[in-house]
Amino acid sequence: MTNSSESQVVLFQPSERIDSQTGIDLNQKISEITPSANQLWVIDLAKVNFMDSSGLVPLVNGLKAARQHGCRLVLCNVQTPVRLVLELTQLDSVFEIYNSYEDAVLTADNDETFLAATH
C-alpha cells in the first residue's frame, strides 16, 4: 500500500484485497496522517478486487477520523466486487464515491461548501 500527501490531498492506495489482515495496515496508515484543515483524504481502490465485511472497518474508521478533524474522505476507482459490498451494506450512500482520482480532486477543489465548512 502506498500513501502520499501533496498539497491538501492525502492519497491511500491499497492493493488487491481489504480484509481483516490488510485492513489493519490501512487503519494504521490512516492513523499516521496528521490532519489539517481542508485536507482531502482519497482512498483509491483501483487495485482492490476483493473486500469482505471486515474490510469495511478501516473505511468507516477513516471516515469518522476525517470528519472529526474537519477533513473529507472519499473513495475512487471502486471495482465491482467492492462496490457490491458497499451497496449490500448501504455504505455506498454514506461515502462519496468518484469514478477517478481526478474527479475526486476536481470536485473537492470546486466544492465551496466543503471549503467554507472547514474554515
PDB file of N, CA and C in Angstrom:
ATOM      1  N   MET A   1       0.850  -1.171   0.000  1.00  0.00           N
ATOM      2  CA  MET A   1       0.000   0.000   0.000  1.00  0.00           C
ATOM      3  C   MET A   1       0.888   1.225   0.000  1.00  0.00           C
ATOM      4  N   THR A   2       0.494   2.199  -0.769  1.00  0.00           N
ATOM      5  CA  THR A   2       1.216   3.461  -0.758  1.00  0.00           C
ATOM      6  C   THR A   2       0.275   4.555  -0.318  1.00  0.00           C
ATOM      7  N   ASN A   3       0.845   5.569   0.298  1.00  0.00           N
ATOM      8  CA  ASN A   3       0.078   6.763   0.581  1.00  0.00           C
ATOM      9  C   ASN A   3       1.003   7.946   0.389  1.00  0.00           C
ATOM     10  N   SER A   4       0.441   9.033  -0.096  1.00  0.00           N
ATOM     11  CA  SER A   4       1.251  10.221  -0.307  1.00  0.00           C
ATOM     12  C   SER A   4       0.411  11.437   0.002  1.00  0.00           C
ATOM     13  N   SER A   5       1.097  12.516   0.334  1.00  0.00           N
ATOM     14  CA  SER A   5       0.410  13.764   0.636  1.00  0.00           C
ATOM     15  C   SER A   5       0.980  14.836  -0.272  1.00  0.00           C
ATOM     16  N   GLU A   6       0.126  15.427  -1.073  1.00  0.00           N
ATOM     17  CA  GLU A   6       0.570  16.507  -1.925  1.00  0.00           C
ATOM     18  C   GLU A   6      -0.437  17.608  -1.762  1.00  0.00           C
ATOM     19  N   SER A   7       0.023  18.795  -1.436  1.00  0.00           N
ATOM     20  CA  SER A   7      -0.812  19.939  -1.108  1.00  0.00           C
ATOM     21  C   SER A   7      -1.787  19.518  -0.016  1.00  0.00           C
ATOM     22  N   GLN A   8      -3.071  19.575  -0.274  1.00  0.00           N
ATOM     23  CA  GLN A   8      -4.048  19.229   0.745  1.00  0.00           C
ATOM     24  C   GLN A   8      -4.708  17.879   0.461  1.00  0.00           C
ATOM     25  N   VAL A   9      -4.131  17.088  -0.407  1.00  0.00           N
ATOM     26  CA  VAL A   9      -4.687  15.775  -0.734  1.00  0.00           C
ATOM     27  C   VAL A   9      -3.806  14.688  -0.125  1.00  0.00           C
ATOM     28  N   VAL A  10      -4.437  13.777   0.595  1.00  0.00           N
ATOM     29  CA  VAL A  10      -3.743  12.616   1.144  1.00  0.00           C
ATOM     30  C   VAL A  10      -4.297  11.406   0.406  1.00  0.00           C
ATOM     31  N   LEU A  11      -3.418  10.672  -0.260  1.00  0.00           N
ATOM     32  CA  LEU A  11      -3.832   9.562  -1.106  1.00  0.00           C
ATOM     33  C   LEU A  11      -3.433   8.227  -0.483  1.00  0.00           C
ATOM     34  N   PHE A  12      -4.400   7.320  -0.395  1.00  0.00           N
ATOM     35  CA  PHE A  12      -4.166   5.947   0.057  1.00  0.00           C
ATOM     36  C   PHE A  12      -4.447   5.043  -1.132  1.00  0.00           C
ATOM     37  N   GLN A  13      -3.559   4.086  -1.380  1.00  0.00           N
ATOM     38  CA  GLN A  13      -3.730   3.172  -2.499  1.00  0.00           C
ATOM     39  C   GLN A  13      -3.525   1.723  -2.045  1.00  0.00           C
ATOM     40  N   PRO A  14      -4.526   1.159  -1.379  1.00  0.00           N
ATOM     41  CA  PRO A  14      -4.403  -0.249  -1.007  1.00  0.00           C
ATOM     42  C   PRO A  14      -4.406  -1.117  -2.260  1.00  0.00           C
ATOM     43  N   SER A  15      -3.878  -2.324  -2.147  1.00  0.00           N
ATOM     44  CA  SER A  15      -3.846  -3.186  -3.329  1.00  0.00           C
ATOM     45  C   SER A  15      -4.417  -4.561  -3.033  1.00  0.00           C
ATOM     46  N   GLU A  16      -5.004  -5.129  -4.039  1.00  0.00           N
ATOM     47  CA  GLU A  16      -5.554  -6.476  -4.110  1.00  0.00           C
ATOM     48  C   GLU A  16      -6.764  -6.737  -3.232  1.00  0.00           C
ATOM     49  N   ARG A  17      -6.610  -6.660  -1.915  1.00  0.00           N
ATOM     50  CA  ARG A  17      -7.742  -7.002  -1.052  1.00  0.00           C
ATOM     51  C   ARG A  17      -7.731  -6.175   0.217  1.00  0.00           C
ATOM     52  N   ILE A  18      -8.920  -5.965   0.744  1.00  0.00           N
ATOM     53  CA  ILE A  18      -9.059  -5.347   2.063  1.00  0.00           C
ATOM     54  C   ILE A  18      -9.890  -6.311   2.893  1.00  0.00           C
ATOM     55  N   ASP A  19      -9.220  -6.952   3.827  1.00  0.00           N
ATOM     56  CA  ASP A  19      -9.872  -7.903   4.723  1.00  0.00           C
ATOM     57  C   ASP A  19      -9.353  -7.637   6.134  1.00  0.00           C
ATOM     58  N   SER A  20      -9.537  -8.572   7.033  1.00  0.00           N
ATOM     59  CA  SER A  20      -9.128  -8.325   8.419  1.00  0.00           C
ATOM     60  C   SER A  20      -7.626  -8.055   8.540  1.00  0.00           C
ATOM     61  N   GLN A  21      -6.805  -8.767   7.783  1.00  0.00           N
ATOM     62  CA  GLN A  21      -5.351  -8.580   7.855  1.00  0.00           C
ATOM     63  C   GLN A  21      -4.895  -7.274   7.213  1.00  0.00           C
ATOM     64  N   THR A  22      -5.277  -7.056   5.963  1.00  0.00           N
ATOM     65  CA  THR A  22      -4.833  -5.840   5.262  1.00  0.00           C
ATOM     66  C   THR A  22      -5.560  -4.606   5.765  1.00  0.00           C
ATOM     67  N   GLY A  23      -6.729  -4.811   6.364  1.00  0.00           N
ATOM     68  CA  GLY A  23      -7.461  -3.693   6.952  1.00  0.00           C
ATOM     69  C   GLY A  23      -6.709  -3.065   8.107  1.00  0.00           C
ATOM     70  N   ILE A  24      -5.983  -3.887   8.851  1.00  0.00           N
ATOM     71  CA  ILE A  24      -5.164  -3.380   9.957  1.00  0.00           C
ATOM     72  C   ILE A  24      -4.107  -2.420   9.412  1.00  0.00           C
ATOM     73  N   ASP A  25      -3.488  -2.786   8.295  1.00  0.00           N
ATOM     74  CA  ASP A  25      -2.475  -1.934   7.664  1.00  0.00           C
ATOM     75  C   ASP A  25      -3.084  -0.608   7.212  1.00  0.00           C
ATOM     76  N   LEU A  26      -4.255  -0.673   6.583  1.00  0.00           N
ATOM     77  CA  LEU A  26      -4.916   0.554   6.132  1.00  0.00           C
ATOM     78  C   LEU A  26      -5.296   1.430   7.324  1.00  0.00           C
ATOM     79  N   ASN A  27      -5.814   0.824   8.374  1.00  0.00           N
ATOM     80  CA  ASN A  27      -6.130   1.570   9.601  1.00  0.00           C
ATOM     81  C   ASN A  27      -4.895   2.285  10.139  1.00  0.00           C
ATOM     82  N   GLN A  28      -3.765   1.585  10.150  1.00  0.00           N
ATOM     83  CA  GLN A  28      -2.511   2.153  10.639  1.00  0.00           C
ATOM     84  C   GLN A  28      -2.084   3.341   9.785  1.00  0.00           C
ATOM     85  N   LYS A  29      -2.146   3.178   8.461  1.00  0.00           N
ATOM     86  CA  LYS A  29      -1.752   4.264   7.552  1.00  0.00           C
ATOM     87  C   LYS A  29      -2.623   5.501   7.772  1.00  0.00           C
ATOM     88  N   ILE A  30      -3.913   5.282   7.952  1.00  0.00           N
ATOM     89  CA  ILE A  30      -4.820   6.414   8.176  1.00  0.00           C
ATOM     90  C   ILE A  30      -4.511   7.100   9.499  1.00  0.00           C
ATOM     91  N   SER A  31      -4.222   6.310  10.531  1.00  0.00           N
ATOM     92  CA  SER A  31      -3.943   6.896  11.843  1.00  0.00           C
ATOM     93  C   SER A  31      -2.620   7.658  11.873  1.00  0.00           C
ATOM     94  N   GLU A  32      -1.726   7.388  10.931  1.00  0.00           N
ATOM     95  CA  GLU A  32      -0.434   8.086  10.876  1.00  0.00           C
ATOM     96  C   GLU A  32      -0.532   9.472  10.254  1.00  0.00           C
ATOM     97  N   ILE A  33      -1.655   9.794   9.645  1.00  0.00           N
ATOM     98  CA  ILE A  33      -1.816  11.095   8.990  1.00  0.00           C
ATOM     99  C   ILE A  33      -1.987  12.181  10.042  1.00  0.00           C
ATOM    100  N   THR A  34      -1.321  13.290   9.823  1.00  0.00           N
ATOM    101  CA  THR A  34      -1.503  14.464  10.658  1.00  0.00           C
ATOM    102  C   THR A  34      -2.538  15.348   9.970  1.00  0.00           C
ATOM    103  N   PRO A  35      -3.764  15.361  10.493  1.00  0.00           N
ATOM    104  CA  PRO A  35      -4.827  16.103   9.817  1.00  0.00           C
ATOM    105  C   PRO A  35      -4.619  17.608   9.895  1.00  0.00           C
ATOM    106  N   SER A  36      -5.071  18.290   8.848  1.00  0.00           N
ATOM    107  CA  SER A  36      -5.106  19.752   8.860  1.00  0.00           C
ATOM    108  C   SER A  36      -6.329  20.197   8.072  1.00  0.00           C
ATOM    109  N   ALA A  37      -6.743  21.421   8.321  1.00  0.00           N
ATOM    110  CA  ALA A  37      -7.944  21.957   7.685  1.00  0.00           C
ATOM    111  C   ALA A  37      -7.853  21.847   6.166  1.00  0.00           C
ATOM    112  N   ASN A  38      -8.979  21.558   5.558  1.00  0.00           N
ATOM    113  CA  ASN A  38      -9.125  21.466   4.098  1.00  0.00           C
ATOM    114  C   ASN A  38      -8.456  20.255   3.467  1.00  0.00           C
ATOM    115  N   GLN A  39      -8.031  19.290   4.251  1.00  0.00           N
ATOM    116  CA  GLN A  39      -7.429  18.097   3.656  1.00  0.00           C
ATOM    117  C   GLN A  39      -8.501  17.225   3.024  1.00  0.00           C
ATOM    118  N   LEU A  40      -8.150  16.652   1.897  1.00  0.00           N
ATOM    119  CA  LEU A  40      -8.982  15.669   1.239  1.00  0.00           C
ATOM    120  C   LEU A  40      -8.254  14.339   1.325  1.00  0.00           C
ATOM    121  N   TRP A  41      -8.878  13.352   1.949  1.00  0.00           N
ATOM    122  CA  TRP A  41      -8.305  12.020   2.047  1.00  0.00           C
ATOM    123  C   TRP A  41      -8.963  11.176   0.970  1.00  0.00           C
ATOM    124  N   VAL A  42      -8.177  10.675   0.033  1.00  0.00           N
ATOM    125  CA  VAL A  42      -8.692   9.880  -1.077  1.00  0.00           C
ATOM    126  C   VAL A  42      -8.204   8.442  -0.923  1.00  0.00           C
ATOM    127  N   ILE A  43      -9.143   7.516  -0.893  1.00  0.00           N
ATOM    128  CA  ILE A  43      -8.787   6.098  -0.901  1.00  0.00           C
ATOM    129  C   ILE A  43      -9.069   5.595  -2.306  1.00  0.00           C
ATOM    130  N   ASP A  44      -7.989   5.356  -3.049  1.00  0.00           N
ATOM    131  CA  ASP A  44      -8.080   4.900  -4.437  1.00  0.00           C
ATOM    132  C   ASP A  44      -8.120   3.382  -4.434  1.00  0.00           C
ATOM    133  N   LEU A  45      -9.258   2.834  -4.835  1.00  0.00           N
ATOM    134  CA  LEU A  45      -9.473   1.387  -4.773  1.00  0.00           C
ATOM    135  C   LEU A  45      -9.277   0.707  -6.126  1.00  0.00           C
ATOM    136  N   ALA A  46      -8.541   1.340  -7.026  1.00  0.00           N
ATOM    137  CA  ALA A  46      -8.341   0.807  -8.375  1.00  0.00           C
ATOM    138  C   ALA A  46      -7.722  -0.586  -8.366  1.00  0.00           C
ATOM    139  N   LYS A  47      -6.837  -0.858  -7.411  1.00  0.00           N
ATOM    140  CA  LYS A  47      -6.134  -2.146  -7.379  1.00  0.00           C
ATOM    141  C   LYS A  47      -6.763  -3.143  -6.412  1.00  0.00           C
ATOM    142  N   VAL A  48      -7.903  -2.787  -5.842  1.00  0.00           N
ATOM    143  CA  VAL A  48      -8.559  -3.668  -4.876  1.00  0.00           C
ATOM    144  C   VAL A  48      -9.665  -4.442  -5.584  1.00  0.00           C
ATOM    145  N   ASN A  49      -9.505  -5.754  -5.641  1.00  0.00           N
ATOM    146  CA  ASN A  49     -10.505  -6.581  -6.311  1.00  0.00           C
ATOM    147  C   ASN A  49     -11.279  -7.466  -5.337  1.00  0.00           C
ATOM    148  N   PHE A  50     -11.020  -7.316  -4.033  1.00  0.00           N
ATOM    149  CA  PHE A  50     -11.750  -8.075  -3.025  1.00  0.00           C
ATOM    150  C   PHE A  50     -11.813  -7.278  -1.731  1.00  0.00           C
ATOM    151  N   MET A  51     -12.999  -7.268  -1.133  1.00  0.00           N
ATOM    152  CA  MET A  51     -13.155  -6.680   0.192  1.00  0.00           C
ATOM    153  C   MET A  51     -14.269  -7.441   0.891  1.00  0.00           C
ATOM    154  N   ASP A  52     -13.996  -7.880   2.110  1.00  0.00           N
ATOM    155  CA  ASP A  52     -15.049  -8.526   2.881  1.00  0.00           C
ATOM    156  C   ASP A  52     -15.570  -7.546   3.931  1.00  0.00           C
ATOM    157  N   SER A  53     -16.500  -8.003   4.738  1.00  0.00           N
ATOM    158  CA  SER A  53     -17.126  -7.094   5.704  1.00  0.00           C
ATOM    159  C   SER A  53     -16.116  -6.532   6.708  1.00  0.00           C
ATOM    160  N   SER A  54     -15.094  -7.304   7.058  1.00  0.00           N
ATOM    161  CA  SER A  54     -14.079  -6.777   7.982  1.00  0.00           C
ATOM    162  C   SER A  54     -13.250  -5.683   7.324  1.00  0.00           C
ATOM    163  N   GLY A  55     -13.216  -5.665   6.003  1.00  0.00           N
ATOM    164  CA  GLY A  55     -12.514  -4.609   5.278  1.00  0.00           C
ATOM    165  C   GLY A  55     -13.232  -3.273   5.329  1.00  0.00           C
ATOM    166  N   LEU A  56     -14.487  -3.295   5.729  1.00  0.00           N
ATOM    167  CA  LEU A  56     -15.242  -2.049   5.854  1.00  0.00           C
ATOM    168  C   LEU A  56     -14.803  -1.239   7.073  1.00  0.00           C
ATOM    169  N   VAL A  57     -14.273  -1.930   8.074  1.00  0.00           N
ATOM    170  CA  VAL A  57     -13.893  -1.270   9.331  1.00  0.00           C
ATOM    171  C   VAL A  57     -12.903  -0.128   9.107  1.00  0.00           C
ATOM    172  N   PRO A  58     -11.795  -0.332   8.392  1.00  0.00           N
ATOM    173  CA  PRO A  58     -10.872   0.794   8.210  1.00  0.00           C
ATOM    174  C   PRO A  58     -11.486   1.935   7.391  1.00  0.00           C
ATOM    175  N   LEU A  59     -12.380   1.614   6.472  1.00  0.00           N
ATOM    176  CA  LEU A  59     -13.021   2.672   5.698  1.00  0.00           C
ATOM    177  C   LEU A  59     -13.915   3.534   6.594  1.00  0.00           C
ATOM    178  N   VAL A  60     -14.711   2.878   7.425  1.00  0.00           N
ATOM    179  CA  VAL A  60     -15.602   3.609   8.326  1.00  0.00           C
ATOM    180  C   VAL A  60     -14.793   4.370   9.379  1.00  0.00           C
ATOM    181  N   ASN A  61     -13.762   3.726   9.926  1.00  0.00           N
ATOM    182  CA  ASN A  61     -12.900   4.415  10.900  1.00  0.00           C
ATOM    183  C   ASN A  61     -12.231   5.634  10.280  1.00  0.00           C
ATOM    184  N   GLY A  62     -11.776   5.480   9.046  1.00  0.00           N
ATOM    185  CA  GLY A  62     -11.155   6.601   8.346  1.00  0.00           C
ATOM    186  C   GLY A  62     -12.125   7.741   8.128  1.00  0.00           C
ATOM    187  N   LEU A  63     -13.347   7.409   7.756  1.00  0.00           N
ATOM    188  CA  LEU A  63     -14.372   8.433   7.545  1.00  0.00           C
ATOM    189  C   LEU A  63     -14.657   9.178   8.847  1.00  0.00           C
ATOM    190  N   LYS A  64     -14.771   8.440   9.939  1.00  0.00           N
ATOM    191  CA  LYS A  64     -15.013   9.070  11.237  1.00  0.00           C
ATOM    192  C   LYS A  64     -13.849   9.972  11.632  1.00  0.00           C
ATOM    193  N   ALA A  65     -12.626   9.488  11.441  1.00  0.00           N
ATOM    194  CA  ALA A  65     -11.443  10.284  11.799  1.00  0.00           C
ATOM    195  C   ALA A  65     -11.370  11.558  10.946  1.00  0.00           C
ATOM    196  N   ALA A  66     -11.634  11.418   9.661  1.00  0.00           N
ATOM    197  CA  ALA A  66     -11.593  12.583   8.776  1.00  0.00           C
ATOM    198  C   ALA A  66     -12.601  13.632   9.226  1.00  0.00           C
ATOM    199  N   ARG A  67     -13.804  13.201   9.498  1.00  0.00           N
ATOM    200  CA  ARG A  67     -14.860  14.134   9.919  1.00  0.00           C
ATOM    201  C   ARG A  67     -14.523  14.795  11.245  1.00  0.00           C
ATOM    202  N   GLN A  68     -13.953  14.038  12.177  1.00  0.00           N
ATOM    203  CA  GLN A  68     -13.593  14.596  13.484  1.00  0.00           C
ATOM    204  C   GLN A  68     -12.555  15.703  13.353  1.00  0.00           C
ATOM    205  N   HIS A  69     -11.730  15.625  12.322  1.00  0.00           N
ATOM    206  CA  HIS A  69     -10.658  16.603  12.144  1.00  0.00           C
ATOM    207  C   HIS A  69     -10.985  17.643  11.086  1.00  0.00           C
ATOM    208  N   GLY A  70     -12.220  17.695  10.625  1.00  0.00           N
ATOM    209  CA  GLY A  70     -12.620  18.680   9.627  1.00  0.00           C
ATOM    210  C   GLY A  70     -12.072  18.384   8.246  1.00  0.00           C
ATOM    211  N   CYS A  71     -11.746  17.127   8.012  1.00  0.00           N
ATOM    212  CA  CYS A  71     -11.253  16.705   6.702  1.00  0.00           C
ATOM    213  C   CYS A  71     -12.382  15.995   5.959  1.00  0.00           C
ATOM    214  N   ARG A  72     -12.088  15.607   4.753  1.00  0.00           N
ATOM    215  CA  ARG A  72     -13.079  14.922   3.922  1.00  0.00           C
ATOM    216  C   ARG A  72     -12.441  13.661   3.366  1.00  0.00           C
ATOM    217  N   LEU A  73     -13.137  12.533   3.475  1.00  0.00           N
ATOM    218  CA  LEU A  73     -12.648  11.274   2.946  1.00  0.00           C
ATOM    219  C   LEU A  73     -13.565  10.831   1.815  1.00  0.00           C
ATOM    220  N   VAL A  74     -12.968  10.475   0.682  1.00  0.00           N
ATOM    221  CA  VAL A  74     -13.737   9.996  -0.465  1.00  0.00           C
ATOM    222  C   VAL A  74     -13.090   8.718  -0.996  1.00  0.00           C
ATOM    223  N   LEU A  75     -13.884   7.952  -1.734  1.00  0.00           N
ATOM    224  CA  LEU A  75     -13.394   6.752  -2.397  1.00  0.00           C
ATOM    225  C   LEU A  75     -13.405   6.995  -3.892  1.00  0.00           C
ATOM    226  N   CYS A  76     -12.469   6.376  -4.601  1.00  0.00           N
ATOM    227  CA  CYS A  76     -12.493   6.474  -6.060  1.00  0.00           C
ATOM    228  C   CYS A  76     -12.045   5.151  -6.674  1.00  0.00           C
ATOM    229  N   ASN A  77     -12.344   5.005  -7.960  1.00  0.00           N
ATOM    230  CA  ASN A  77     -11.974   3.811  -8.722  1.00  0.00           C
ATOM    231  C   ASN A  77     -12.448   2.526  -8.047  1.00  0.00           C
ATOM    232  N   VAL A  78     -13.689   2.533  -7.579  1.00  0.00           N
ATOM    233  CA  VAL A  78     -14.230   1.380  -6.860  1.00  0.00           C
ATOM    234  C   VAL A  78     -14.574   0.276  -7.862  1.00  0.00           C
ATOM    235  N   GLN A  79     -13.940  -0.873  -7.701  1.00  0.00           N
ATOM    236  CA  GLN A  79     -14.166  -2.011  -8.582  1.00  0.00           C
ATOM    237  C   GLN A  79     -15.483  -2.706  -8.216  1.00  0.00           C
ATOM    238  N   THR A  80     -16.049  -3.431  -9.152  1.00  0.00           N
ATOM    239  CA  THR A  80     -17.364  -4.050  -8.981  1.00  0.00           C
ATOM    240  C   THR A  80     -17.496  -4.896  -7.712  1.00  0.00           C
ATOM    241  N   PRO A  81     -16.561  -5.798  -7.393  1.00  0.00           N
ATOM    242  CA  PRO A  81     -16.731  -6.599  -6.166  1.00  0.00           C
ATOM    243  C   PRO A  81     -16.796  -5.741  -4.899  1.00  0.00           C
ATOM    244  N   VAL A  82     -16.017  -4.679  -4.864  1.00  0.00           N
ATOM    245  CA  VAL A  82     -16.011  -3.790  -3.703  1.00  0.00           C
ATOM    246  C   VAL A  82     -17.295  -2.966  -3.675  1.00  0.00           C
ATOM    247  N   ARG A  83     -17.717  -2.496  -4.837  1.00  0.00           N
ATOM    248  CA  ARG A  83     -18.959  -1.724  -4.918  1.00  0.00           C
ATOM    249  C   ARG A  83     -20.144  -2.554  -4.419  1.00  0.00           C
ATOM    250  N   LEU A  84     -20.157  -3.848  -4.742  1.00  0.00           N
ATOM    251  CA  LEU A  84     -21.239  -4.715  -4.284  1.00  0.00           C
ATOM    252  C   LEU A  84     -21.286  -4.793  -2.756  1.00  0.00           C
ATOM    253  N   VAL A  85     -20.131  -4.900  -2.123  1.00  0.00           N
ATOM    254  CA  VAL A  85     -20.081  -4.932  -0.655  1.00  0.00           C
ATOM    255  C   VAL A  85     -20.603  -3.615  -0.092  1.00  0.00           C
ATOM    256  N   LEU A  86     -20.199  -2.501  -0.686  1.00  0.00           N
ATOM    257  CA  LEU A  86     -20.675  -1.195  -0.228  1.00  0.00           C
ATOM    258  C   LEU A  86     -22.187  -1.060  -0.412  1.00  0.00           C
ATOM    259  N   GLU A  87     -22.701  -1.561  -1.521  1.00  0.00           N
ATOM    260  CA  GLU A  87     -24.131  -1.492  -1.777  1.00  0.00           C
ATOM    261  C   GLU A  87     -24.918  -2.391  -0.831  1.00  0.00           C
ATOM    262  N   LEU A  88     -24.434  -3.615  -0.608  1.00  0.00           N
ATOM    263  CA  LEU A  88     -25.124  -4.541   0.286  1.00  0.00           C
ATOM    264  C   LEU A  88     -25.222  -4.011   1.715  1.00  0.00           C
ATOM    265  N   THR A  89     -24.209  -3.289   2.137  1.00  0.00           N
ATOM    266  CA  THR A  89     -24.187  -2.726   3.483  1.00  0.00           C
ATOM    267  C   THR A  89     -24.752  -1.310   3.520  1.00  0.00           C
ATOM    268  N   GLN A  90     -25.173  -0.822   2.379  1.00  0.00           N
ATOM    269  CA  GLN A  90     -25.724   0.522   2.191  1.00  0.00           C
ATOM    270  C   GLN A  90     -24.730   1.630   2.532  1.00  0.00           C
ATOM    271  N   LEU A  91     -23.454   1.281   2.553  1.00  0.00           N
ATOM    272  CA  LEU A  91     -22.429   2.289   2.798  1.00  0.00           C
ATOM    273  C   LEU A  91     -22.124   3.100   1.545  1.00  0.00           C
ATOM    274  N   ASP A  92     -22.629   2.662   0.398  1.00  0.00           N
ATOM    275  CA  ASP A  92     -22.454   3.450  -0.814  1.00  0.00           C
ATOM    276  C   ASP A  92     -23.166   4.793  -0.700  1.00  0.00           C
ATOM    277  N   SER A  93     -24.142   4.886   0.191  1.00  0.00           N
ATOM    278  CA  SER A  93     -24.839   6.158   0.392  1.00  0.00           C
ATOM    279  C   SER A  93     -24.162   7.011   1.472  1.00  0.00           C
ATOM    280  N   VAL A  94     -23.229   6.430   2.194  1.00  0.00           N
ATOM    281  CA  VAL A  94     -22.510   7.149   3.243  1.00  0.00           C
ATOM    282  C   VAL A  94     -21.228   7.776   2.694  1.00  0.00           C
ATOM    283  N   PHE A  95     -20.541   7.035   1.837  1.00  0.00           N
ATOM    284  CA  PHE A  95     -19.276   7.508   1.266  1.00  0.00           C
ATOM    285  C   PHE A  95     -19.514   8.302  -0.011  1.00  0.00           C
ATOM    286  N   GLU A  96     -18.669   9.285  -0.217  1.00  0.00           N
ATOM    287  CA  GLU A  96     -18.624   9.952  -1.513  1.00  0.00           C
ATOM    288  C   GLU A  96     -17.769   9.061  -2.412  1.00  0.00           C
ATOM    289  N   ILE A  97     -18.312   8.661  -3.549  1.00  0.00           N
ATOM    290  CA  ILE A  97     -17.612   7.746  -4.442  1.00  0.00           C
ATOM    291  C   ILE A  97     -17.469   8.413  -5.806  1.00  0.00           C
ATOM    292  N   TYR A  98     -16.234   8.423  -6.321  1.00  0.00           N
ATOM    293  CA  TYR A  98     -15.930   9.032  -7.617  1.00  0.00           C
ATOM    294  C   TYR A  98     -15.347   7.987  -8.556  1.00  0.00           C
ATOM    295  N   ASN A  99     -15.548   8.215  -9.842  1.00  0.00           N
ATOM    296  CA  ASN A  99     -15.061   7.282 -10.856  1.00  0.00           C
ATOM    297  C   ASN A  99     -13.545   7.280 -10.961  1.00  0.00           C
ATOM    298  N   SER A 100     -12.917   8.415 -10.682  1.00  0.00           N
ATOM    299  CA  SER A 100     -11.462   8.504 -10.813  1.00  0.00           C
ATOM    300  C   SER A 100     -10.891   9.422  -9.743  1.00  0.00           C
ATOM    301  N   TYR A 101      -9.594   9.314  -9.559  1.00  0.00           N
ATOM    302  CA  TYR A 101      -8.879  10.199  -8.629  1.00  0.00           C
ATOM    303  C   TYR A 101      -9.044  11.649  -9.065  1.00  0.00           C
ATOM    304  N   GLU A 102      -8.928  11.891 -10.353  1.00  0.00           N
ATOM    305  CA  GLU A 102      -9.046  13.246 -10.889  1.00  0.00           C
ATOM    306  C   GLU A 102     -10.421  13.842 -10.586  1.00  0.00           C
ATOM    307  N   ASP A 103     -11.469  13.029 -10.750  1.00  0.00           N
ATOM    308  CA  ASP A 103     -12.823  13.503 -10.435  1.00  0.00           C
ATOM    309  C   ASP A 103     -12.943  13.884  -8.966  1.00  0.00           C
ATOM    310  N   ALA A 104     -12.383  13.076  -8.099  1.00  0.00           N
ATOM    311  CA  ALA A 104     -12.456  13.346  -6.661  1.00  0.00           C
ATOM    312  C   ALA A 104     -11.766  14.647  -6.310  1.00  0.00           C
ATOM    313  N   VAL A 105     -10.577  14.853  -6.848  1.00  0.00           N
ATOM    314  CA  VAL A 105      -9.811  16.061  -6.541  1.00  0.00           C
ATOM    315  C   VAL A 105     -10.466  17.297  -7.159  1.00  0.00           C
ATOM    316  N   LEU A 106     -10.920  17.194  -8.404  1.00  0.00           N
ATOM    317  CA  LEU A 106     -11.572  18.328  -9.055  1.00  0.00           C
ATOM    318  C   LEU A 106     -12.850  18.724  -8.338  1.00  0.00           C
ATOM    319  N   THR A 107     -13.627  17.742  -7.908  1.00  0.00           N
ATOM    320  CA  THR A 107     -14.866  18.037  -7.203  1.00  0.00           C
ATOM    321  C   THR A 107     -14.571  18.729  -5.882  1.00  0.00           C
ATOM    322  N   ALA A 108     -13.563  18.271  -5.177  1.00  0.00           N
ATOM    323  CA  ALA A 108     -13.197  18.895  -3.901  1.00  0.00           C
ATOM    324  C   ALA A 108     -12.716  20.319  -4.117  1.00  0.00           C
ATOM    325  N   ASP A 109     -11.929  20.550  -5.174  1.00  0.00           N
ATOM    326  CA  ASP A 109     -11.434  21.885  -5.466  1.00  0.00           C
ATOM    327  C   ASP A 109     -12.574  22.845  -5.782  1.00  0.00           C
ATOM    328  N   ASN A 110     -13.631  22.308  -6.386  1.00  0.00           N
ATOM    329  CA  ASN A 110     -14.755  23.138  -6.791  1.00  0.00           C
ATOM    330  C   ASN A 110     -15.876  23.171  -5.765  1.00  0.00           C
ATOM    331  N   ASP A 111     -15.745  22.443  -4.690  1.00  0.00           N
ATOM    332  CA  ASP A 111     -16.810  22.351  -3.694  1.00  0.00           C
ATOM    333  C   ASP A 111     -16.633  23.431  -2.634  1.00  0.00           C
ATOM    334  N   GLU A 112     -17.280  24.557  -2.840  1.00  0.00           N
ATOM    335  CA  GLU A 112     -17.139  25.687  -1.913  1.00  0.00           C
ATOM    336  C   GLU A 112     -17.772  25.385  -0.561  1.00  0.00           C
ATOM    337  N   THR A 113     -18.760  24.500  -0.523  1.00  0.00           N
ATOM    338  CA  THR A 113     -19.382  24.126   0.735  1.00  0.00           C
ATOM    339  C   THR A 113     -18.354  23.481   1.654  1.00  0.00           C
ATOM    340  N   PHE A 114     -17.551  22.578   1.098  1.00  0.00           N
ATOM    341  CA  PHE A 114     -16.506  21.903   1.877  1.00  0.00           C
ATOM    342  C   PHE A 114     -15.496  22.907   2.389  1.00  0.00           C
ATOM    343  N   LEU A 115     -15.031  23.765   1.493  1.00  0.00           N
ATOM    344  CA  LEU A 115     -14.018  24.737   1.889  1.00  0.00           C
ATOM    345  C   LEU A 115     -14.535  25.679   2.959  1.00  0.00           C
ATOM    346  N   ALA A 116     -15.781  26.121   2.829  1.00  0.00           N
ATOM    347  CA  ALA A 116     -16.352  27.033   3.806  1.00  0.00           C
ATOM    348  C   ALA A 116     -16.557  26.339   5.150  1.00  0.00           C
ATOM    349  N   ALA A 117     -16.976  25.087   5.119  1.00  0.00           N
ATOM    350  CA  ALA A 117     -17.259  24.350   6.339  1.00  0.00           C
ATOM    351  C   ALA A 117     -16.000  24.051   7.132  1.00  0.00           C
ATOM    352  N   THR A 118     -14.864  23.987   6.475  1.00  0.00           N
ATOM    353  CA  THR A 118     -13.632  23.624   7.182  1.00  0.00           C
ATOM    354  C   THR A 118     -12.807  24.843   7.584  1.00  0.00           C
ATOM    355  N   HIS A 119     -13.252  26.030   7.297  1.00  0.00           N
ATOM    356  CA  HIS A 119     -12.521  27.234   7.713  1.00  0.00           C
ATOM    357  C   HIS A 119     -12.859  27.607   9.120  1.00  0.00           C
TER     358      HIS A 119
END
